[in-house]
Amino acid sequence: QVQLVETGGGLVQAGGSLALSCAASGRAFSKDGMYWFRQAPGKEREFVAGISFSGGSTDYADSVKGRFTISRDNAKNTLYLQMDSLKPEDTAVYYCAQTIYSYISKPGPRGMDLWGKGTLVTVSS
């Protein structure tokens, strides 16, 4: 069964850091675009960051550019999101997502082929 499982969420103070991971199982993801989205309470799911299959291309939402870093380890079938200088407005459920055999720059949520169940990140002020 193909699935994505996010880990690493939790509670952190504003200005702090947190690292998320997304483990892909069921098939190798080395040819797939990988992404992080987030959804805050009462808001729509939004794009956070994306990375191409080789890692050569990355994209970030303007709200996280310079603070978040997306990376991947294809040998480990794992996607990462390093989040620094966190703000209370970063509080959300963070989701890992995938486009099979393709990469889309700054996509909307409807373009994804597979989603994880999400991990909650809470940033206190």
Foldseek 3Di string as FASTA:
>chain_A
DWAKAKDWADEEAAQAKTKMKIAIDDDQQLQKKKFKWWDDPPGDIAGAKIAGSVRPDMAGDPVQPPFKDWDDDRVRRMIMIIGGNDDQVVWTWMKMFIDHNDHDHRDDPVRTDHIHPTDTHGYHD
